[in-house]
PDB file of all heavy atoms in Angstrom:
ATOM      1  N   TRP A   1     -12.592 -39.190  -2.533  1.00  0.00           N
ATOM      2  CA  TRP A   1     -11.663 -39.029  -3.647  1.00  0.00           C
ATOM      3  C   TRP A   1     -10.799 -40.275  -3.759  1.00  0.00           C
ATOM      4  O   TRP A   1     -10.356 -40.832  -2.757  1.00  0.00           O
ATOM      5  CB  TRP A   1     -10.759 -37.812  -3.462  1.00  0.00           C
ATOM      6  CG  TRP A   1     -11.494 -36.503  -3.554  1.00  0.00           C
ATOM      7  CD1 TRP A   1     -11.900 -35.685  -2.533  1.00  0.00           C
ATOM      8  CD2 TRP A   1     -11.893 -35.840  -4.748  1.00  0.00           C
ATOM      9  NE1 TRP A   1     -12.505 -34.549  -3.011  1.00  0.00           N
ATOM     10  CE2 TRP A   1     -12.534 -34.632  -4.383  1.00  0.00           C
ATOM     11  CE3 TRP A   1     -11.815 -36.130  -6.099  1.00  0.00           C
ATOM     12  CZ2 TRP A   1     -13.055 -33.734  -5.323  1.00  0.00           C
ATOM     13  CZ3 TRP A   1     -12.317 -35.262  -7.045  1.00  0.00           C
ATOM     14  CH2 TRP A   1     -12.944 -34.065  -6.650  1.00  0.00           C
ATOM     15  N   ALA A   2     -10.574 -40.694  -4.984  1.00  0.00           N
ATOM     16  CA  ALA A   2      -9.650 -41.822  -5.213  1.00  0.00           C
ATOM     17  C   ALA A   2      -8.958 -41.619  -6.568  1.00  0.00           C
ATOM     18  O   ALA A   2      -9.455 -40.905  -7.444  1.00  0.00           O
ATOM     19  CB  ALA A   2     -10.419 -43.153  -5.228  1.00  0.00           C
ATOM     20  N   GLN A   3      -7.854 -42.274  -6.742  1.00  0.00           N
ATOM     21  CA  GLN A   3      -7.094 -42.190  -7.994  1.00  0.00           C
ATOM     22  C   GLN A   3      -7.827 -42.858  -9.108  1.00  0.00           C
ATOM     23  O   GLN A   3      -8.321 -43.972  -8.951  1.00  0.00           O
ATOM     24  CB  GLN A   3      -5.714 -42.836  -7.800  1.00  0.00           C
ATOM     25  CG  GLN A   3      -4.746 -42.632  -8.968  1.00  0.00           C
ATOM     26  CD  GLN A   3      -4.189 -41.193  -9.011  1.00  0.00           C
ATOM     27  OE1 GLN A   3      -4.316 -40.446  -8.091  1.00  0.00           O
ATOM     28  NE2 GLN A   3      -3.616 -40.850 -10.171  1.00  0.00           N
ATOM     29  N   MET A   4      -7.911 -42.180 -10.241  1.00  0.00           N
ATOM     30  CA  MET A   4      -8.459 -42.783 -11.443  1.00  0.00           C
ATOM     31  C   MET A   4      -7.305 -43.462 -12.175  1.00  0.00           C
ATOM     32  O   MET A   4      -6.478 -42.817 -12.787  1.00  0.00           O
ATOM     33  CB  MET A   4      -9.128 -41.719 -12.326  1.00  0.00           C
ATOM     34  CG  MET A   4      -9.887 -42.258 -13.513  1.00  0.00           C
ATOM     35  SD  MET A   4     -10.802 -40.910 -14.335  1.00  0.00           S
ATOM     36  CE  MET A   4     -11.605 -41.843 -15.673  1.00  0.00           C
ATOM     37  N   GLN A   5      -7.307 -44.771 -12.104  1.00  0.00           N
ATOM     38  CA  GLN A   5      -6.145 -45.568 -12.535  1.00  0.00           C
ATOM     39  C   GLN A   5      -5.811 -45.285 -13.990  1.00  0.00           C
ATOM     40  O   GLN A   5      -6.650 -45.276 -14.863  1.00  0.00           O
ATOM     41  CB  GLN A   5      -6.482 -47.056 -12.366  1.00  0.00           C
ATOM     42  CG  GLN A   5      -5.304 -47.987 -12.595  1.00  0.00           C
ATOM     43  CD  GLN A   5      -5.684 -49.433 -12.418  1.00  0.00           C
ATOM     44  OE1 GLN A   5      -6.868 -49.772 -12.425  1.00  0.00           O
ATOM     45  NE2 GLN A   5      -4.704 -50.277 -12.290  1.00  0.00           N
ATOM     46  N   ASN A   6      -4.496 -45.011 -14.217  1.00  0.00           N
ATOM     47  CA  ASN A   6      -3.931 -44.780 -15.550  1.00  0.00           C
ATOM     48  C   ASN A   6      -4.422 -43.483 -16.194  1.00  0.00           C
ATOM     49  O   ASN A   6      -4.236 -43.294 -17.409  1.00  0.00           O
ATOM     50  CB  ASN A   6      -4.200 -45.988 -16.488  1.00  0.00           C
ATOM     51  CG  ASN A   6      -3.482 -47.231 -15.977  1.00  0.00           C
ATOM     52  OD1 ASN A   6      -2.338 -47.144 -15.535  1.00  0.00           O
ATOM     53  ND2 ASN A   6      -4.163 -48.328 -16.037  1.00  0.00           N
ATOM     54  N   PHE A   7      -5.043 -42.598 -15.429  1.00  0.00           N
ATOM     55  CA  PHE A   7      -5.438 -41.282 -15.925  1.00  0.00           C
ATOM     56  C   PHE A   7      -4.707 -40.155 -15.178  1.00  0.00           C
ATOM     57  O   PHE A   7      -4.817 -38.997 -15.605  1.00  0.00           O
ATOM     58  CB  PHE A   7      -6.947 -41.058 -15.756  1.00  0.00           C
ATOM     59  CG  PHE A   7      -7.782 -41.697 -16.848  1.00  0.00           C
ATOM     60  CD1 PHE A   7      -7.987 -43.053 -16.878  1.00  0.00           C
ATOM     61  CD2 PHE A   7      -8.354 -40.923 -17.825  1.00  0.00           C
ATOM     62  CE1 PHE A   7      -8.748 -43.659 -17.875  1.00  0.00           C
ATOM     63  CE2 PHE A   7      -9.131 -41.502 -18.861  1.00  0.00           C
ATOM     64  CZ  PHE A   7      -9.314 -42.863 -18.862  1.00  0.00           C
ATOM     65  N   ASP A   8      -3.989 -40.495 -14.106  1.00  0.00           N
ATOM     66  CA  ASP A   8      -3.265 -39.516 -13.312  1.00  0.00           C
ATOM     67  C   ASP A   8      -4.234 -38.404 -12.839  1.00  0.00           C
ATOM     68  O   ASP A   8      -3.915 -37.231 -12.916  1.00  0.00           O
ATOM     69  CB  ASP A   8      -2.094 -38.928 -14.090  1.00  0.00           C
ATOM     70  CG  ASP A   8      -1.162 -38.086 -13.188  1.00  0.00           C
ATOM     71  OD1 ASP A   8      -1.083 -38.404 -12.012  1.00  0.00           O
ATOM     72  OD2 ASP A   8      -0.513 -37.156 -13.698  1.00  0.00           O
ATOM     73  N   LEU A   9      -5.402 -38.812 -12.365  1.00  0.00           N
ATOM     74  CA  LEU A   9      -6.419 -37.897 -11.880  1.00  0.00           C
ATOM     75  C   LEU A   9      -7.065 -38.446 -10.644  1.00  0.00           C
ATOM     76  O   LEU A   9      -7.122 -39.653 -10.406  1.00  0.00           O
ATOM     77  CB  LEU A   9      -7.540 -37.741 -12.945  1.00  0.00           C
ATOM     78  CG  LEU A   9      -7.224 -37.055 -14.270  1.00  0.00           C
ATOM     79  CD1 LEU A   9      -8.370 -37.284 -15.241  1.00  0.00           C
ATOM     80  CD2 LEU A   9      -6.964 -35.576 -14.057  1.00  0.00           C
ATOM     81  N   GLN A  10      -7.602 -37.520  -9.827  1.00  0.00           N
ATOM     82  CA  GLN A  10      -8.454 -37.895  -8.707  1.00  0.00           C
ATOM     83  C   GLN A  10      -9.898 -37.785  -9.166  1.00  0.00           C
ATOM     84  O   GLN A  10     -10.233 -36.860  -9.936  1.00  0.00           O
ATOM     85  CB  GLN A  10      -8.213 -37.011  -7.523  1.00  0.00           C
ATOM     86  CG  GLN A  10      -6.836 -37.188  -6.859  1.00  0.00           C
ATOM     87  CD  GLN A  10      -6.822 -38.364  -5.927  1.00  0.00           C
ATOM     88  OE1 GLN A  10      -7.646 -38.487  -5.022  1.00  0.00           O
ATOM     89  NE2 GLN A  10      -5.850 -39.243  -6.114  1.00  0.00           N
ATOM     90  N   ARG A  11     -10.741 -38.676  -8.699  1.00  0.00           N
ATOM     91  CA  ARG A  11     -12.196 -38.567  -9.040  1.00  0.00           C
ATOM     92  C   ARG A  11     -13.016 -38.908  -7.801  1.00  0.00           C
ATOM     93  O   ARG A  11     -12.574 -39.572  -6.855  1.00  0.00           O
ATOM     94  CB  ARG A  11     -12.535 -39.475 -10.200  1.00  0.00           C
ATOM     95  CG  ARG A  11     -12.435 -40.987  -9.857  1.00  0.00           C
ATOM     96  CD  ARG A  11     -13.075 -41.783 -10.975  1.00  0.00           C
ATOM     97  NE  ARG A  11     -12.640 -43.164 -10.966  1.00  0.00           N
ATOM     98  CZ  ARG A  11     -12.824 -44.016 -11.956  1.00  0.00           C
ATOM     99  NH1 ARG A  11     -13.428 -43.610 -13.057  1.00  0.00           N
ATOM    100  NH2 ARG A  11     -12.424 -45.252 -11.883  1.00  0.00           N
ATOM    101  N   LEU A  12     -14.264 -38.474  -7.864  1.00  0.00           N
ATOM    102  CA  LEU A  12     -15.234 -38.826  -6.806  1.00  0.00           C
ATOM    103  C   LEU A  12     -15.651 -40.277  -6.985  1.00  0.00           C
ATOM    104  O   LEU A  12     -15.933 -40.740  -8.097  1.00  0.00           O
ATOM    105  CB  LEU A  12     -16.466 -37.922  -6.907  1.00  0.00           C
ATOM    106  CG  LEU A  12     -16.287 -36.448  -6.523  1.00  0.00           C
ATOM    107  CD1 LEU A  12     -17.618 -35.739  -6.621  1.00  0.00           C
ATOM    108  CD2 LEU A  12     -15.750 -36.311  -5.113  1.00  0.00           C
ATOM    109  N   VAL A  13     -15.696 -41.001  -5.868  1.00  0.00           N
ATOM    110  CA  VAL A  13     -16.112 -42.379  -5.831  1.00  0.00           C
ATOM    111  C   VAL A  13     -16.949 -42.647  -4.591  1.00  0.00           C
ATOM    112  O   VAL A  13     -17.162 -41.747  -3.774  1.00  0.00           O
ATOM    113  CB  VAL A  13     -14.920 -43.373  -5.865  1.00  0.00           C
ATOM    114  CG1 VAL A  13     -14.081 -43.168  -7.123  1.00  0.00           C
ATOM    115  CG2 VAL A  13     -14.034 -43.183  -4.648  1.00  0.00           C
ATOM    116  N   ASN A  14     -17.418 -43.884  -4.456  1.00  0.00           N
ATOM    117  CA  ASN A  14     -18.096 -44.292  -3.236  1.00  0.00           C
ATOM    118  C   ASN A  14     -17.304 -45.388  -2.552  1.00  0.00           C
ATOM    119  O   ASN A  14     -16.720 -46.273  -3.211  1.00  0.00           O
ATOM    120  CB  ASN A  14     -19.494 -44.850  -3.578  1.00  0.00           C
ATOM    121  CG  ASN A  14     -20.326 -43.878  -4.388  1.00  0.00           C
ATOM    122  OD1 ASN A  14     -20.627 -44.149  -5.558  1.00  0.00           O
ATOM    123  ND2 ASN A  14     -20.678 -42.762  -3.807  1.00  0.00           N
ATOM    124  N   ARG A  15     -17.200 -45.293  -1.262  1.00  0.00           N
ATOM    125  CA  ARG A  15     -16.491 -46.325  -0.457  1.00  0.00           C
ATOM    126  C   ARG A  15     -17.422 -46.747   0.652  1.00  0.00           C
ATOM    127  O   ARG A  15     -17.713 -45.983   1.563  1.00  0.00           O
ATOM    128  CB  ARG A  15     -15.197 -45.744   0.113  1.00  0.00           C
ATOM    129  CG  ARG A  15     -14.113 -45.559  -0.927  1.00  0.00           C
ATOM    130  CD  ARG A  15     -13.537 -46.914  -1.390  1.00  0.00           C
ATOM    131  NE  ARG A  15     -12.408 -46.703  -2.303  1.00  0.00           N
ATOM    132  CZ  ARG A  15     -12.534 -46.647  -3.617  1.00  0.00           C
ATOM    133  NH1 ARG A  15     -13.740 -46.750  -4.165  1.00  0.00           N
ATOM    134  NH2 ARG A  15     -11.467 -46.491  -4.370  1.00  0.00           N
ATOM    135  N   ASN A  16     -17.902 -47.986   0.591  1.00  0.00           N
ATOM    136  CA  ASN A  16     -18.864 -48.504   1.563  1.00  0.00           C
ATOM    137  C   ASN A  16     -18.419 -49.886   2.101  1.00  0.00           C
ATOM    138  O   ASN A  16     -18.970 -50.874   1.729  1.00  0.00           O
ATOM    139  CB  ASN A  16     -20.256 -48.597   0.936  1.00  0.00           C
ATOM    140  CG  ASN A  16     -20.680 -47.316   0.285  1.00  0.00           C
ATOM    141  OD1 ASN A  16     -20.908 -47.219  -0.907  1.00  0.00           O
ATOM    142  ND2 ASN A  16     -20.786 -46.246   1.080  1.00  0.00           N
ATOM    143  N   PRO A  17     -17.392 -49.873   2.943  1.00  0.00           N
ATOM    144  CA  PRO A  17     -16.946 -51.166   3.485  1.00  0.00           C
ATOM    145  C   PRO A  17     -17.983 -51.873   4.302  1.00  0.00           C
ATOM    146  O   PRO A  17     -18.830 -51.208   4.942  1.00  0.00           O
ATOM    147  CB  PRO A  17     -15.717 -50.758   4.356  1.00  0.00           C
ATOM    148  CG  PRO A  17     -15.980 -49.329   4.700  1.00  0.00           C
ATOM    149  CD  PRO A  17     -16.669 -48.729   3.505  1.00  0.00           C
ATOM    150  N   GLY A  18     -17.926 -53.187   4.261  1.00  0.00           N
ATOM    151  CA  GLY A  18     -18.833 -53.956   5.095  1.00  0.00           C
ATOM    152  C   GLY A  18     -20.129 -54.314   4.452  1.00  0.00           C
ATOM    153  O   GLY A  18     -21.026 -54.863   5.143  1.00  0.00           O
ATOM    154  N   ILE A  19     -20.344 -54.005   3.179  1.00  0.00           N
ATOM    155  CA  ILE A  19     -21.596 -54.384   2.510  1.00  0.00           C
ATOM    156  C   ILE A  19     -21.311 -55.520   1.528  1.00  0.00           C
ATOM    157  O   ILE A  19     -21.770 -56.675   1.741  1.00  0.00           O
ATOM    158  CB  ILE A  19     -22.233 -53.209   1.765  1.00  0.00           C
ATOM    159  CG1 ILE A  19     -22.496 -52.019   2.730  1.00  0.00           C
ATOM    160  CG2 ILE A  19     -23.540 -53.638   1.135  1.00  0.00           C
ATOM    161  CD1 ILE A  19     -23.079 -50.794   2.081  1.00  0.00           C
ATOM    162  N   VAL A  20     -20.634 -55.243   0.455  1.00  0.00           N
ATOM    163  CA  VAL A  20     -20.309 -56.258  -0.548  1.00  0.00           C
ATOM    164  C   VAL A  20     -19.064 -57.015  -0.103  1.00  0.00           C
ATOM    165  O   VAL A  20     -17.968 -56.472  -0.099  1.00  0.00           O
ATOM    166  CB  VAL A  20     -20.101 -55.606  -1.929  1.00  0.00           C
ATOM    167  CG1 VAL A  20     -19.681 -56.669  -2.952  1.00  0.00           C
ATOM    168  CG2 VAL A  20     -21.374 -54.912  -2.390  1.00  0.00           C
ATOM    169  N   GLU A  21     -19.258 -58.247   0.282  1.00  0.00           N
ATOM    170  CA  GLU A  21     -18.146 -59.065   0.772  1.00  0.00           C
ATOM    171  C   GLU A  21     -17.454 -59.899  -0.302  1.00  0.00           C
ATOM    172  O   GLU A  21     -16.249 -60.055  -0.285  1.00  0.00           O
ATOM    173  CB  GLU A  21     -18.640 -59.961   1.907  1.00  0.00           C
ATOM    174  CG  GLU A  21     -19.126 -59.177   3.106  1.00  0.00           C
ATOM    175  CD  GLU A  21     -19.551 -60.063   4.280  1.00  0.00           C
ATOM    176  OE1 GLU A  21     -19.716 -61.300   4.050  1.00  0.00           O
ATOM    177  OE2 GLU A  21     -19.674 -59.558   5.397  1.00  0.00           O
ATOM    178  N   TYR A  22     -18.262 -60.392  -1.223  1.00  0.00           N
ATOM    179  CA  TYR A  22     -17.734 -61.239  -2.307  1.00  0.00           C
ATOM    180  C   TYR A  22     -18.408 -60.873  -3.631  1.00  0.00           C
ATOM    181  O   TYR A  22     -19.619 -60.611  -3.662  1.00  0.00           O
ATOM    182  CB  TYR A  22     -17.933 -62.726  -2.047  1.00  0.00           C
ATOM    183  CG  TYR A  22     -17.260 -63.250  -0.813  1.00  0.00           C
ATOM    184  CD1 TYR A  22     -17.914 -63.233   0.416  1.00  0.00           C
ATOM    185  CD2 TYR A  22     -15.964 -63.744  -0.840  1.00  0.00           C
ATOM    186  CE1 TYR A  22     -17.313 -63.695   1.548  1.00  0.00           C
ATOM    187  CE2 TYR A  22     -15.344 -64.244   0.291  1.00  0.00           C
ATOM    188  CZ  TYR A  22     -16.020 -64.213   1.516  1.00  0.00           C
ATOM    189  OH  TYR A  22     -15.390 -64.665   2.633  1.00  0.00           O
ATOM    190  N   VAL A  23     -17.622 -60.822  -4.684  1.00  0.00           N
ATOM    191  CA  VAL A  23     -18.140 -60.684  -6.042  1.00  0.00           C
ATOM    192  C   VAL A  23     -17.496 -61.781  -6.888  1.00  0.00           C
ATOM    193  O   VAL A  23     -16.278 -61.898  -6.896  1.00  0.00           O
ATOM    194  CB  VAL A  23     -17.870 -59.307  -6.634  1.00  0.00           C
ATOM    195  CG1 VAL A  23     -18.388 -59.223  -8.062  1.00  0.00           C
ATOM    196  CG2 VAL A  23     -18.472 -58.180  -5.798  1.00  0.00           C
ATOM    197  N   ILE A  24     -18.337 -62.519  -7.552  1.00  0.00           N
ATOM    198  CA  ILE A  24     -17.875 -63.572  -8.454  1.00  0.00           C
ATOM    199  C   ILE A  24     -18.344 -63.248  -9.859  1.00  0.00           C
ATOM    200  O   ILE A  24     -19.508 -62.993 -10.100  1.00  0.00           O
ATOM    201  CB  ILE A  24     -18.466 -64.966  -7.997  1.00  0.00           C
ATOM    202  CG1 ILE A  24     -17.935 -65.284  -6.575  1.00  0.00           C
ATOM    203  CG2 ILE A  24     -18.072 -66.075  -8.978  1.00  0.00           C
ATOM    204  CD1 ILE A  24     -18.712 -66.427  -5.938  1.00  0.00           C
ATOM    205  N   ILE A  25     -17.398 -63.242 -10.780  1.00  0.00           N
ATOM    206  CA  ILE A  25     -17.715 -62.933 -12.187  1.00  0.00           C
ATOM    207  C   ILE A  25     -17.271 -64.110 -13.021  1.00  0.00           C
ATOM    208  O   ILE A  25     -16.087 -64.476 -13.012  1.00  0.00           O
ATOM    209  CB  ILE A  25     -17.021 -61.632 -12.680  1.00  0.00           C
ATOM    210  CG1 ILE A  25     -17.434 -60.447 -11.751  1.00  0.00           C
ATOM    211  CG2 ILE A  25     -17.386 -61.326 -14.122  1.00  0.00           C
ATOM    212  CD1 ILE A  25     -16.666 -59.161 -12.058  1.00  0.00           C
ATOM    213  N   ASN A  26     -18.219 -64.676 -13.773  1.00  0.00           N
ATOM    214  CA  ASN A  26     -17.907 -65.855 -14.618  1.00  0.00           C
ATOM    215  C   ASN A  26     -17.258 -66.949 -13.780  1.00  0.00           C
ATOM    216  O   ASN A  26     -16.351 -67.662 -14.279  1.00  0.00           O
ATOM    217  CB  ASN A  26     -16.991 -65.447 -15.802  1.00  0.00           C
ATOM    218  CG  ASN A  26     -16.912 -66.535 -16.839  1.00  0.00           C
ATOM    219  OD1 ASN A  26     -17.813 -67.319 -17.042  1.00  0.00           O
ATOM    220  ND2 ASN A  26     -15.761 -66.593 -17.531  1.00  0.00           N
ATOM    221  N   GLY A  27     -17.708 -67.118 -12.561  1.00  0.00           N
ATOM    222  CA  GLY A  27     -17.221 -68.177 -11.704  1.00  0.00           C
ATOM    223  C   GLY A  27     -15.899 -67.871 -11.012  1.00  0.00           C
ATOM    224  O   GLY A  27     -15.358 -68.730 -10.257  1.00  0.00           O
ATOM    225  N   LYS A  28     -15.307 -66.678 -11.250  1.00  0.00           N
ATOM    226  CA  LYS A  28     -14.019 -66.341 -10.680  1.00  0.00           C
ATOM    227  C   LYS A  28     -14.192 -65.247  -9.597  1.00  0.00           C
ATOM    228  O   LYS A  28     -14.919 -64.270  -9.827  1.00  0.00           O
ATOM    229  CB  LYS A  28     -13.036 -65.827 -11.754  1.00  0.00           C
ATOM    230  CG  LYS A  28     -12.671 -66.869 -12.816  1.00  0.00           C
ATOM    231  CD  LYS A  28     -11.614 -66.346 -13.776  1.00  0.00           C
ATOM    232  CE  LYS A  28     -10.316 -66.076 -13.102  1.00  0.00           C
ATOM    233  NZ  LYS A  28      -9.247 -65.704 -14.050  1.00  0.00           N
ATOM    234  N   LEU A  29     -13.492 -65.422  -8.488  1.00  0.00           N
ATOM    235  CA  LEU A  29     -13.610 -64.467  -7.401  1.00  0.00           C
ATOM    236  C   LEU A  29     -12.927 -63.157  -7.800  1.00  0.00           C
ATOM    237  O   LEU A  29     -11.727 -63.123  -8.085  1.00  0.00           O
ATOM    238  CB  LEU A  29     -12.957 -65.078  -6.155  1.00  0.00           C
ATOM    239  CG  LEU A  29     -13.394 -64.527  -4.812  1.00  0.00           C
ATOM    240  CD1 LEU A  29     -14.911 -64.750  -4.623  1.00  0.00           C
ATOM    241  CD2 LEU A  29     -12.608 -65.213  -3.695  1.00  0.00           C
ATOM    242  N   ALA A  30     -13.693 -62.073  -7.786  1.00  0.00           N
ATOM    243  CA  ALA A  30     -13.177 -60.760  -8.119  1.00  0.00           C
ATOM    244  C   ALA A  30     -12.995 -59.864  -6.889  1.00  0.00           C
ATOM    245  O   ALA A  30     -12.121 -59.035  -6.840  1.00  0.00           O
ATOM    246  CB  ALA A  30     -14.099 -60.070  -9.112  1.00  0.00           C
ATOM    247  N   VAL A  31     -13.898 -60.039  -5.924  1.00  0.00           N
ATOM    248  CA  VAL A  31     -13.817 -59.343  -4.625  1.00  0.00           C
ATOM    249  C   VAL A  31     -13.878 -60.413  -3.534  1.00  0.00           C
ATOM    250  O   VAL A  31     -14.769 -61.244  -3.535  1.00  0.00           O
ATOM    251  CB  VAL A  31     -14.966 -58.341  -4.455  1.00  0.00           C
ATOM    252  CG1 VAL A  31     -14.946 -57.724  -3.051  1.00  0.00           C
ATOM    253  CG2 VAL A  31     -14.887 -57.238  -5.515  1.00  0.00           C
ATOM    254  N   ASN A  32     -12.882 -60.380  -2.660  1.00  0.00           N
ATOM    255  CA  ASN A  32     -12.784 -61.379  -1.614  1.00  0.00           C
ATOM    256  C   ASN A  32     -12.709 -60.680  -0.242  1.00  0.00           C
ATOM    257  O   ASN A  32     -11.815 -59.878  -0.010  1.00  0.00           O
ATOM    258  CB  ASN A  32     -11.524 -62.243  -1.800  1.00  0.00           C
ATOM    259  CG  ASN A  32     -11.394 -63.362  -0.790  1.00  0.00           C
ATOM    260  OD1 ASN A  32     -12.389 -63.814  -0.239  1.00  0.00           O
ATOM    261  ND2 ASN A  32     -10.185 -63.811  -0.567  1.00  0.00           N
ATOM    262  N   LYS A  33     -13.711 -60.962   0.582  1.00  0.00           N
ATOM    263  CA  LYS A  33     -13.785 -60.325   1.913  1.00  0.00           C
ATOM    264  C   LYS A  33     -13.698 -58.799   1.794  1.00  0.00           C
ATOM    265  O   LYS A  33     -13.031 -58.123   2.593  1.00  0.00           O
ATOM    266  CB  LYS A  33     -12.685 -60.879   2.815  1.00  0.00           C
ATOM    267  CG  LYS A  33     -12.837 -62.386   3.077  1.00  0.00           C
ATOM    268  CD  LYS A  33     -11.725 -62.892   3.986  1.00  0.00           C
ATOM    269  CE  LYS A  33     -11.871 -64.390   4.178  1.00  0.00           C
ATOM    270  NZ  LYS A  33     -10.805 -64.965   5.037  1.00  0.00           N
ATOM    271  N   GLY A  34     -14.386 -58.267   0.805  1.00  0.00           N
ATOM    272  CA  GLY A  34     -14.487 -56.813   0.621  1.00  0.00           C
ATOM    273  C   GLY A  34     -13.359 -56.184  -0.137  1.00  0.00           C
ATOM    274  O   GLY A  34     -13.394 -54.942  -0.384  1.00  0.00           O
ATOM    275  N   GLN A  35     -12.350 -56.929  -0.525  1.00  0.00           N
ATOM    276  CA  GLN A  35     -11.186 -56.377  -1.229  1.00  0.00           C
ATOM    277  C   GLN A  35     -11.165 -56.787  -2.680  1.00  0.00           C
ATOM    278  O   GLN A  35     -11.312 -57.995  -2.989  1.00  0.00           O
ATOM    279  CB  GLN A  35      -9.902 -56.855  -0.525  1.00  0.00           C
ATOM    280  CG  GLN A  35      -9.764 -56.431   0.938  1.00  0.00           C
ATOM    281  CD  GLN A  35      -9.774 -54.946   1.106  1.00  0.00           C
ATOM    282  OE1 GLN A  35      -9.062 -54.187   0.423  1.00  0.00           O
ATOM    283  NE2 GLN A  35     -10.602 -54.422   2.023  1.00  0.00           N
ATOM    284  N   VAL A  36     -10.992 -55.804  -3.560  1.00  0.00           N
ATOM    285  CA  VAL A  36     -10.856 -56.108  -4.990  1.00  0.00           C
ATOM    286  C   VAL A  36      -9.524 -56.826  -5.212  1.00  0.00           C
ATOM    287  O   VAL A  36      -8.454 -56.363  -4.740  1.00  0.00           O
ATOM    288  CB  VAL A  36     -10.887 -54.816  -5.811  1.00  0.00           C
ATOM    289  CG1 VAL A  36     -10.651 -55.132  -7.293  1.00  0.00           C
ATOM    290  CG2 VAL A  36     -12.239 -54.113  -5.656  1.00  0.00           C
ATOM    291  N   LEU A  37      -9.545 -57.973  -5.848  1.00  0.00           N
ATOM    292  CA  LEU A  37      -8.324 -58.767  -6.042  1.00  0.00           C
ATOM    293  C   LEU A  37      -7.435 -58.167  -7.093  1.00  0.00           C
ATOM    294  O   LEU A  37      -7.899 -57.582  -8.066  1.00  0.00           O
ATOM    295  CB  LEU A  37      -8.695 -60.206  -6.418  1.00  0.00           C
ATOM    296  CG  LEU A  37      -9.494 -60.969  -5.355  1.00  0.00           C
ATOM    297  CD1 LEU A  37      -9.712 -62.430  -5.752  1.00  0.00           C
ATOM    298  CD2 LEU A  37      -8.798 -60.927  -3.981  1.00  0.00           C
ATOM    299  N   ASP A  38      -6.109 -58.310  -6.909  1.00  0.00           N
ATOM    300  CA  ASP A  38      -5.103 -57.702  -7.801  1.00  0.00           C
ATOM    301  C   ASP A  38      -5.268 -58.170  -9.231  1.00  0.00           C
ATOM    302  O   ASP A  38      -4.962 -57.443 -10.172  1.00  0.00           O
ATOM    303  CB  ASP A  38      -3.727 -57.999  -7.285  1.00  0.00           C
ATOM    304  CG  ASP A  38      -3.372 -57.202  -6.035  1.00  0.00           C
ATOM    305  OD1 ASP A  38      -4.088 -56.227  -5.747  1.00  0.00           O
ATOM    306  OD2 ASP A  38      -2.445 -57.609  -5.314  1.00  0.00           O
ATOM    307  N   GLN A  39      -5.679 -59.431  -9.431  1.00  0.00           N
ATOM    308  CA  GLN A  39      -5.692 -59.978 -10.788  1.00  0.00           C
ATOM    309  C   GLN A  39      -6.848 -59.421 -11.640  1.00  0.00           C
ATOM    310  O   GLN A  39      -6.860 -59.584 -12.846  1.00  0.00           O
ATOM    311  CB  GLN A  39      -5.759 -61.511 -10.762  1.00  0.00           C
ATOM    312  CG  GLN A  39      -6.904 -62.106  -9.968  1.00  0.00           C
ATOM    313  CD  GLN A  39      -6.501 -62.515  -8.571  1.00  0.00           C
ATOM    314  OE1 GLN A  39      -5.770 -61.742  -7.897  1.00  0.00           O
ATOM    315  NE2 GLN A  39      -6.949 -63.663  -8.108  1.00  0.00           N
ATOM    316  N   LEU A  40      -7.830 -58.737 -10.969  1.00  0.00           N
ATOM    317  CA  LEU A  40      -8.912 -58.150 -11.738  1.00  0.00           C
ATOM    318  C   LEU A  40      -8.368 -57.046 -12.638  1.00  0.00           C
ATOM    319  O   LEU A  40      -7.678 -56.152 -12.201  1.00  0.00           O
ATOM    320  CB  LEU A  40      -9.972 -57.565 -10.806  1.00  0.00           C
ATOM    321  CG  LEU A  40     -11.271 -57.171 -11.476  1.00  0.00           C
ATOM    322  CD1 LEU A  40     -12.068 -58.429 -11.841  1.00  0.00           C
ATOM    323  CD2 LEU A  40     -12.144 -56.299 -10.562  1.00  0.00           C
ATOM    324  N   GLY A  41      -8.639 -57.122 -13.912  1.00  0.00           N
ATOM    325  CA  GLY A  41      -8.181 -56.179 -14.875  1.00  0.00           C
ATOM    326  C   GLY A  41      -6.800 -56.552 -15.421  1.00  0.00           C
ATOM    327  O   GLY A  41      -6.290 -55.838 -16.315  1.00  0.00           O
ATOM    328  N   LYS A  42      -6.232 -57.611 -14.932  1.00  0.00           N
ATOM    329  CA  LYS A  42      -4.903 -58.061 -15.386  1.00  0.00           C
ATOM    330  C   LYS A  42      -4.963 -59.426 -16.063  1.00  0.00           C
ATOM    331  O   LYS A  42      -4.180 -59.733 -16.940  1.00  0.00           O
ATOM    332  CB  LYS A  42      -3.884 -58.060 -14.248  1.00  0.00           C
ATOM    333  CG  LYS A  42      -3.671 -56.723 -13.627  1.00  0.00           C
ATOM    334  CD  LYS A  42      -2.745 -56.790 -12.388  1.00  0.00           C
ATOM    335  CE  LYS A  42      -2.570 -55.462 -11.757  1.00  0.00           C
ATOM    336  NZ  LYS A  42      -1.754 -55.528 -10.511  1.00  0.00           N
ATOM    337  N   GLN A  43      -5.923 -60.224 -15.580  1.00  0.00           N
ATOM    338  CA  GLN A  43      -6.065 -61.558 -16.140  1.00  0.00           C
ATOM    339  C   GLN A  43      -7.410 -61.676 -16.852  1.00  0.00           C
ATOM    340  O   GLN A  43      -8.410 -61.092 -16.435  1.00  0.00           O
ATOM    341  CB  GLN A  43      -6.031 -62.625 -15.025  1.00  0.00           C
ATOM    342  CG  GLN A  43      -4.733 -62.699 -14.254  1.00  0.00           C
ATOM    343  CD  GLN A  43      -4.797 -63.707 -13.147  1.00  0.00           C
ATOM    344  OE1 GLN A  43      -5.803 -64.427 -12.988  1.00  0.00           O
ATOM    345  NE2 GLN A  43      -3.707 -63.835 -12.382  1.00  0.00           N
ATOM    346  N   THR A  44      -7.447 -62.398 -17.949  1.00  0.00           N
ATOM    347  CA  THR A  44      -8.711 -62.656 -18.647  1.00  0.00           C
ATOM    348  C   THR A  44      -9.450 -63.757 -17.905  1.00  0.00           C
ATOM    349  O   THR A  44      -8.942 -64.418 -17.019  1.00  0.00           O
ATOM    350  CB  THR A  44      -8.430 -63.126 -20.106  1.00  0.00           C
ATOM    351  OG1 THR A  44      -7.600 -64.259 -20.090  1.00  0.00           O
ATOM    352  CG2 THR A  44      -7.777 -62.013 -20.895  1.00  0.00           C
TER     353      THR A  44
END
């Protein structure tokens, strides 16, 4: 269970630490060492 951001609801999700370490979107780091970066969804 995790918070559904800006919906004030809990929802079912998947949490699998230790698999996806980095995600790069359009050349910008979105996930760093397994953590979603704060600027994702806030910066264009």
